[in-house]
Protein backbone atom coordinates (compact mmCIF):
# COMPACT_ATOMS: atom_id res chain seq x y z
CA MET A 1 -67.12 55.42 -20.66
CA ARG A 2 -64.58 54.05 -23.09
CA SER A 3 -61.19 52.73 -22.06
CA VAL A 4 -58.33 55.21 -22.43
CA SER A 5 -56.53 54.53 -25.69
CA ALA A 6 -52.83 54.87 -26.39
CA ASP A 7 -53.63 57.92 -28.50
CA ALA A 8 -55.45 59.58 -25.61
CA VAL A 9 -52.49 59.16 -23.28
CA PRO A 10 -49.25 59.83 -25.20
CA LEU A 11 -46.40 58.09 -23.42
CA GLY A 12 -42.94 59.20 -24.37
CA PHE A 13 -40.42 62.04 -24.49
CA ALA A 14 -41.14 65.54 -25.75
CA ALA A 15 -40.07 65.94 -29.37
CA SER A 16 -37.77 68.88 -28.52
CA TYR A 17 -35.92 66.60 -26.08
CA ALA A 18 -35.71 63.60 -28.43
CA ARG A 19 -34.39 65.79 -31.27
CA LEU A 20 -31.08 65.94 -29.40
CA VAL A 21 -30.28 62.62 -31.05
CA ALA A 22 -30.74 63.93 -34.59
CA ASP A 23 -28.99 67.21 -33.73
CA HIS A 24 -25.90 65.29 -32.57
CA VAL A 25 -25.75 63.27 -35.78
CA ARG A 26 -26.22 66.39 -37.89
CA ALA A 27 -23.46 68.23 -35.97
CA LEU A 28 -21.04 65.53 -37.11
CA ASP A 29 -22.00 66.24 -40.75
CA LEU A 30 -23.86 62.95 -41.00
CA ASP A 31 -27.29 62.35 -42.53
CA ALA A 32 -29.83 62.70 -39.71
CA ARG A 33 -32.84 61.68 -41.79
CA PRO A 34 -32.73 57.99 -40.77
CA VAL A 35 -32.60 59.05 -37.10
CA LEU A 36 -35.56 61.39 -37.51
CA SER A 37 -37.45 58.57 -39.22
CA ALA A 38 -36.68 56.26 -36.29
CA LEU A 39 -37.92 58.93 -33.90
CA GLY A 40 -41.05 59.44 -36.00
CA LEU A 41 -40.38 63.18 -36.27
CA PRO A 42 -40.51 65.49 -39.29
CA ALA A 43 -37.29 67.11 -40.49
CA SER A 44 -38.56 70.64 -39.90
CA ALA A 45 -40.09 71.77 -36.65
CA THR A 46 -41.26 74.76 -34.67
CA PRO A 47 -41.73 74.94 -30.89
CA GLU A 48 -45.49 74.91 -31.51
CA SER A 49 -45.45 71.81 -33.71
CA ASP A 50 -43.02 69.90 -31.51
CA ALA A 51 -45.17 70.64 -28.46
CA GLN A 52 -47.81 68.32 -29.95
CA LEU A 53 -45.42 65.43 -30.63
CA TRP A 54 -44.18 62.68 -28.32
CA VAL A 55 -41.53 60.04 -28.98
CA PRO A 56 -42.19 56.69 -27.27
CA ALA A 57 -39.27 55.14 -25.38
CA ALA A 58 -39.05 52.26 -27.86
CA ARG A 59 -38.58 54.70 -30.76
CA LEU A 60 -36.01 56.73 -28.82
CA SER A 61 -34.12 53.53 -28.06
CA GLN A 62 -34.03 52.63 -31.76
CA ALA A 63 -32.89 56.13 -32.73
CA LEU A 64 -30.06 56.07 -30.16
CA SER A 65 -28.92 52.68 -31.44
CA LEU A 66 -28.96 53.96 -35.03
CA ALA A 67 -27.08 57.13 -34.05
CA THR A 68 -24.45 55.00 -32.29
CA THR A 69 -23.92 53.03 -35.50
CA LEU A 70 -23.82 56.13 -37.71
CA CYS A 71 -21.37 57.93 -35.42
CA GLN A 72 -19.22 54.82 -34.95
CA ASP A 73 -18.93 55.70 -31.28
CA PRO A 74 -20.23 53.30 -28.58
CA HIS A 75 -20.55 56.20 -26.14
CA THR A 76 -22.96 58.17 -28.37
CA PRO A 77 -26.03 58.09 -26.02
CA TRP A 78 -23.96 59.42 -23.13
CA ARG A 79 -22.36 62.12 -25.30
CA ILE A 80 -25.78 63.24 -26.50
CA ALA A 81 -27.04 63.39 -22.91
CA GLN A 82 -24.35 65.94 -22.04
CA GLN A 83 -25.76 68.37 -24.62
CA VAL A 84 -29.18 68.91 -23.00
CA ARG A 85 -30.01 72.58 -22.53
CA PRO A 86 -33.10 74.54 -21.46
CA ALA A 87 -34.37 74.85 -25.04
CA ASN A 88 -34.69 71.05 -25.24
CA MET A 89 -37.19 71.21 -22.36
CA GLY A 90 -39.28 74.06 -23.74
CA PRO A 91 -40.57 76.80 -21.42
CA LEU A 92 -40.07 74.49 -18.43
CA GLY A 93 -36.31 74.47 -19.09
CA TYR A 94 -36.10 78.26 -18.80
CA THR A 95 -38.34 78.24 -15.74
CA LEU A 96 -36.00 75.75 -14.07
CA ILE A 97 -32.78 77.62 -14.80
CA SER A 98 -34.17 80.87 -13.42
CA CYS A 99 -35.20 79.37 -10.04
CA GLU A 100 -33.61 80.81 -6.94
CA ALA A 101 -32.24 77.51 -5.60
CA PHE A 102 -31.93 73.82 -6.34
CA ASP A 103 -34.86 72.79 -4.14
CA ASN A 104 -37.22 75.19 -5.93
CA GLY A 105 -36.29 73.72 -9.29
CA LEU A 106 -36.60 70.15 -8.06
CA ALA A 107 -40.10 70.72 -6.69
CA LEU A 108 -41.10 72.48 -9.90
CA PHE A 109 -39.77 69.67 -12.07
CA GLU A 110 -41.54 66.98 -10.05
CA ARG A 111 -44.85 68.80 -10.53
CA LEU A 112 -44.45 69.62 -14.23
CA GLN A 113 -42.23 66.81 -15.53
CA GLY A 114 -45.09 65.65 -17.76
CA LEU A 115 -44.24 68.56 -20.08
CA VAL A 116 -40.92 66.85 -20.90
CA CYS A 117 -41.50 63.15 -20.38
CA THR A 118 -44.63 61.15 -19.68
CA GLN A 119 -43.02 57.71 -19.76
CA LEU A 120 -40.58 58.08 -16.86
CA ARG A 121 -41.90 59.49 -13.59
CA SER A 122 -39.30 61.04 -11.30
CA VAL A 123 -40.03 60.97 -7.57
CA HIS A 124 -37.77 62.57 -4.95
CA ARG A 125 -37.64 61.88 -1.23
CA ILE A 126 -35.33 62.57 1.69
CA GLN A 127 -33.71 59.62 3.46
CA GLY A 128 -31.57 60.73 6.37
CA ASP A 129 -28.88 63.00 4.95
CA ARG A 130 -29.49 61.87 1.38
CA LEU A 131 -31.75 63.03 -1.42
CA VAL A 132 -33.03 59.98 -3.30
CA SER A 133 -34.49 60.27 -6.79
CA GLN A 134 -36.25 57.33 -8.42
CA LEU A 135 -37.36 57.05 -12.04
CA ASP A 136 -40.33 54.74 -12.52
CA PRO A 137 -41.46 53.68 -16.00
CA LEU A 138 -45.02 54.27 -17.15
CA GLY A 139 -45.83 51.80 -19.87
CA ASP A 140 -43.30 49.41 -21.37
CA VAL A 141 -39.81 50.96 -21.36
CA PRO A 142 -37.02 48.89 -22.95
CA ARG A 143 -34.27 47.75 -20.61
CA ASP A 144 -31.85 49.24 -23.10
CA THR A 145 -28.47 50.60 -22.02
CA GLY A 146 -28.38 53.45 -24.54
CA LEU A 147 -31.86 54.65 -23.61
CA TRP A 148 -31.24 54.64 -19.85
CA LEU A 149 -27.81 56.25 -20.16
CA PHE A 150 -29.38 59.03 -22.22
CA ALA A 151 -32.30 59.52 -19.82
CA MET A 152 -30.27 59.52 -16.61
CA ALA A 153 -27.01 61.14 -17.72
CA SER A 154 -28.98 64.04 -19.22
CA ARG A 155 -30.41 64.74 -15.74
CA MET A 156 -26.92 64.91 -14.28
CA ALA A 157 -25.58 66.99 -17.16
CA PHE A 158 -28.43 69.50 -16.84
CA ALA A 159 -27.95 69.79 -13.07
CA ARG A 160 -24.23 70.47 -13.56
CA TRP A 161 -24.87 73.03 -16.28
CA VAL A 162 -27.49 74.89 -14.26
CA SER A 163 -25.51 74.87 -11.01
CA GLY A 164 -22.18 75.73 -12.61
CA ARG A 165 -20.65 73.01 -10.43
CA HIS A 166 -19.17 69.60 -11.11
CA LEU A 167 -21.80 67.86 -8.99
CA VAL A 168 -21.03 64.26 -8.02
CA LEU A 169 -23.73 61.86 -6.87
CA ASP A 170 -23.24 59.43 -4.01
CA GLY A 171 -24.39 56.62 -6.27
CA VAL A 172 -26.44 55.83 -9.36
CA TRP A 173 -28.45 52.69 -10.15
CA LEU A 174 -29.37 51.90 -13.76
CA PRO A 175 -31.93 49.24 -14.74
CA CYS A 176 -29.93 48.02 -17.75
CA PRO A 177 -26.75 46.06 -18.57
CA ALA A 178 -23.41 47.83 -18.26
CA PRO A 179 -21.92 49.20 -21.50
CA ALA A 180 -19.04 47.26 -23.03
CA ASP A 181 -16.61 49.91 -21.78
CA PRO A 182 -18.02 51.67 -18.70
CA GLY A 183 -14.72 53.43 -17.89
CA PRO A 184 -15.41 56.86 -19.49
CA LEU A 185 -18.94 56.94 -18.09
CA GLN A 186 -17.68 55.98 -14.63
CA ALA A 187 -15.07 58.75 -14.77
CA TRP A 188 -17.71 61.29 -15.83
CA TYR A 189 -20.10 60.38 -13.01
CA GLY A 190 -17.29 60.02 -10.45
CA CYS A 191 -19.39 57.87 -8.12
CA PRO A 192 -20.26 54.18 -7.67
CA MET A 193 -22.43 52.89 -10.51
CA HIS A 194 -24.70 49.85 -10.28
CA PHE A 195 -26.09 48.22 -13.41
CA ASP A 196 -28.94 45.71 -13.82
CA ALA A 197 -30.64 47.39 -10.86
CA PRO A 198 -34.33 46.61 -10.25
CA VAL A 199 -35.23 50.32 -10.45
CA ALA A 200 -33.52 53.48 -11.70
CA SER A 201 -32.38 55.75 -8.90
CA GLU A 202 -29.82 58.32 -7.79
CA GLN A 203 -28.57 59.36 -4.36
CA ALA A 204 -27.20 62.83 -3.73
CA PRO A 205 -26.07 64.80 -0.66
CA LEU A 206 -28.98 66.57 1.00
CA GLY A 207 -26.95 69.79 0.88
CA TRP A 208 -27.67 70.03 -2.85
CA LEU A 209 -31.15 71.34 -2.00
CA THR A 210 -29.74 74.59 -0.64
CA LEU A 211 -27.31 75.26 -3.49
CA PRO A 212 -27.83 78.73 -5.00
CA ASN A 213 -28.52 79.00 -8.70
CA PRO A 214 -26.03 81.23 -10.53
CA HIS A 215 -28.65 81.74 -13.29
CA ALA A 216 -31.39 82.86 -10.88
CA ASP A 217 -33.42 85.68 -12.40
CA ALA A 218 -36.66 86.65 -10.67
CA GLN A 219 -38.04 88.57 -13.65
CA LEU A 220 -37.29 85.79 -16.15
CA HIS A 221 -38.67 83.24 -13.70
CA ARG A 222 -42.00 85.08 -13.40
CA LEU A 223 -42.27 85.37 -17.17
CA MET A 224 -41.35 81.76 -17.94
CA SER A 225 -43.45 80.42 -15.07
CA ALA A 226 -46.46 82.12 -16.62
CA VAL A 227 -45.70 80.56 -20.02
CA THR A 228 -45.09 77.13 -18.46
CA ASN A 229 -48.32 77.28 -16.46
CA GLN A 230 -50.24 78.23 -19.59
CA GLN A 231 -48.76 75.23 -21.39
CA TRP A 232 -49.64 73.00 -18.46
CA ALA A 233 -53.18 74.40 -18.36
CA ARG A 234 -53.63 73.66 -22.07
CA LEU A 235 -52.61 70.08 -21.44
CA ALA A 236 -54.97 69.90 -18.48
CA HIS A 237 -57.87 70.82 -20.75
CA ALA A 238 -56.83 68.20 -23.31
CA GLY A 239 -57.53 64.52 -22.77
CA SER A 240 -53.85 63.69 -23.17
CA GLY A 241 -52.64 66.13 -20.52
CA LEU A 242 -55.29 65.26 -17.97
CA ALA A 243 -54.86 61.53 -18.45
CA SER A 244 -51.07 61.85 -18.26
CA ALA A 245 -51.28 63.73 -14.94
CA LEU A 246 -53.74 61.18 -13.59
CA ARG A 247 -51.45 58.32 -14.60
CA GLN A 248 -48.59 59.81 -12.59
CA HIS A 249 -50.69 60.23 -9.46
CA ILE A 250 -52.18 56.75 -9.87
CA ALA A 251 -48.70 55.24 -10.13
CA ASP A 252 -47.62 57.11 -6.98
CA ARG A 253 -50.52 55.67 -5.02
CA LEU A 254 -50.07 52.15 -6.37
CA GLN A 255 -46.40 51.98 -5.44
CA SER A 256 -47.19 53.09 -1.90
CA GLY A 257 -49.53 50.10 -1.65
CA GLN A 258 -52.80 52.01 -2.08
CA LEU A 259 -55.46 51.34 -4.69
CA PRO A 260 -56.22 54.89 -5.95
CA ARG A 261 -59.64 56.45 -5.67
CA LEU A 262 -60.61 59.53 -7.64
CA GLU A 263 -61.71 61.43 -4.54
CA ASP A 264 -58.27 60.87 -2.96
CA ILE A 265 -56.38 62.10 -6.04
CA ALA A 266 -58.67 65.05 -6.76
CA PRO A 267 -56.89 67.47 -4.34
CA GLU A 268 -53.54 66.66 -5.95
CA ILE A 269 -54.95 67.23 -9.43
CA GLU A 270 -56.39 70.55 -8.25
CA ALA A 271 -52.94 71.60 -7.00
CA ASP A 272 -51.26 70.45 -10.22
CA LEU A 273 -53.77 71.46 -12.88
CA GLY A 274 -56.05 73.97 -11.19
CA LEU A 275 -59.12 71.76 -11.68
CA SER A 276 -61.55 71.48 -8.77
CA ALA A 277 -63.05 68.07 -7.95
CA ARG A 278 -66.25 69.06 -9.78
CA GLN A 279 -64.31 70.34 -12.81
CA LEU A 280 -62.25 67.15 -12.83
CA GLN A 281 -65.38 65.00 -12.88
CA ARG A 282 -66.85 67.11 -15.69
CA ARG A 283 -63.61 67.02 -17.69
CA LEU A 284 -63.43 63.23 -17.42
CA ALA A 285 -67.04 62.94 -18.57
CA ASP A 286 -66.56 65.43 -21.43
CA GLN A 287 -63.58 63.47 -22.74
CA SER A 288 -65.11 60.02 -22.12
CA LEU A 289 -62.26 59.07 -19.81
CA SER A 290 -62.82 56.32 -17.25
CA PHE A 291 -60.79 56.68 -14.05
CA LYS A 292 -61.33 53.00 -13.26
CA ASP A 293 -60.03 51.96 -16.68
CA LEU A 294 -57.06 54.30 -16.32
CA VAL A 295 -56.12 52.71 -12.98
CA GLU A 296 -56.33 49.31 -14.64
CA GLU A 297 -54.08 50.41 -17.51
CA VAL A 298 -51.45 51.92 -15.20
CA ARG A 299 -51.51 48.74 -13.13
CA ARG A 300 -51.22 46.57 -16.21
CA ASP A 301 -48.38 48.58 -17.72
CA GLN A 302 -46.43 48.60 -14.47
CA VAL A 303 -46.86 44.89 -13.74
CA LEU A 304 -46.01 43.74 -17.26
CA HIS A 305 -42.98 46.02 -17.39
CA GLU A 306 -41.63 44.65 -14.11
CA LEU A 307 -42.28 41.06 -15.15
CA ARG A 308 -40.50 41.58 -18.48
CA HIS A 309 -37.63 43.79 -17.41
CA THR A 310 -36.81 43.23 -13.73
CA GLU A 311 -35.90 40.42 -11.36
CA LEU A 312 -38.24 41.66 -8.62
CA PRO A 313 -39.93 38.73 -6.81
CA LEU A 314 -43.51 38.18 -7.93
CA GLY A 315 -44.75 39.04 -4.45
CA GLU A 316 -43.00 42.42 -4.61
CA VAL A 317 -44.36 43.12 -8.11
CA ALA A 318 -47.85 42.46 -6.75
CA GLN A 319 -47.27 44.64 -3.69
CA ARG A 320 -45.93 47.55 -5.81
CA ALA A 321 -49.17 47.41 -7.83
CA ALA A 322 -51.33 47.42 -4.67
CA TYR A 323 -52.57 43.85 -4.99
CA ALA A 324 -53.50 42.40 -1.60
CA GLU A 325 -52.33 38.94 -2.67
CA PRO A 326 -50.04 37.66 -5.47
CA SER A 327 -52.93 35.44 -6.57
CA SER A 328 -54.96 38.56 -7.43
CA MET A 329 -52.13 39.76 -9.67
CA HIS A 330 -51.89 36.27 -11.19
CA ARG A 331 -55.56 36.40 -12.21
CA ALA A 332 -55.14 39.93 -13.60
CA VAL A 333 -52.15 38.93 -15.74
CA ARG A 334 -54.15 35.96 -17.02
CA ARG A 335 -56.98 38.30 -17.95
CA TRP A 336 -54.66 40.75 -19.73
CA THR A 337 -52.46 38.32 -21.63
CA GLY A 338 -53.82 34.78 -21.34
CA GLN A 339 -50.52 33.81 -19.67
CA THR A 340 -49.21 33.39 -16.13
CA PRO A 341 -46.79 35.92 -14.58
CA LEU A 342 -44.07 33.26 -14.66
CA ALA A 343 -44.64 32.65 -18.37
CA ILE A 344 -44.38 36.40 -19.06
CA ARG A 345 -41.11 36.52 -17.14
CA GLN A 346 -39.69 33.52 -18.98
CA ARG A 347 -40.41 35.21 -22.31
CA ARG A 348 -38.14 38.17 -21.45
CA GLY A 349 -36.18 39.38 -24.45
CA GLU A 350 -39.02 38.60 -26.84
CA ALA A 351 -41.27 41.26 -28.34
CA PRO A 352 -44.05 41.96 -25.84
CA LEU A 353 -47.52 40.74 -26.72
CA ASN A 354 -50.26 43.33 -26.90
CA PRO A 355 -52.45 42.70 -23.88
């Protein structure tokens, strides 16, 4: 089987979501064409055409920087984030807003988030009386303030819009430098903010899970759930959708210290995509996808990202990628790049080399 190519596994943000940047520029009567060019998106779009397009994090970062310059407003990424609405998330957005309660929507989003973003994987867990959400990068995600403010503030803005409440987190951790003037952002969040964090995360009161949804609509939810599941099924039958789902489950296993095996992940894929273990094997063979190569690519992307963009100790980077010993990771990095992990870390800030 061939190795999974970048084209086979699109990593990025859904076009309908990334278009928020161009829409904001256009709303200010400015020329949005340079922003669309930075995003790599055509000027005209339909829901059907945008459903096939993904904007890598690096392109989104460039577009946000360009929009900030055009708008002459340093807070542009955060202002754009506040404008996210269900339409920017496609059918999944309408499925989420029609859920009965917060916990239903959260579980639904965690399962189907690949319809909106395949480059940041959101994982939620309960710790005592707190709900902790962590966003882990898949592939190389720039440690760019504008990009991370857009990605994380849009989550908070959407939650507030859906709930009809001014929700306030207990704390937010962003893996990027603080903006030059964090005051307005701090006031908007209303909670402690921590920049240059090793990972992106949020903590919220556990009581959020039982909040009712003022937009709950059982009939709309059934209709939009059917549309969303059809969209998810189409992705499952395409190499890109299947590989994207596999990447997320592989990353989950790696960060819990387990080297993934296909037979272990198969039940989760069946629950997510409706593919039995036998169908999964056949689909992989039909699309010339190698599970072993995919595990290696997820491992590589995660390790190189953390070496380039975090201060995590090398031993912890190795552990989070399920290496038994740091020396095993050292040999892998040598194989991928011809350099040592320490050399990769010392080159931070430079353009990454293609492994």
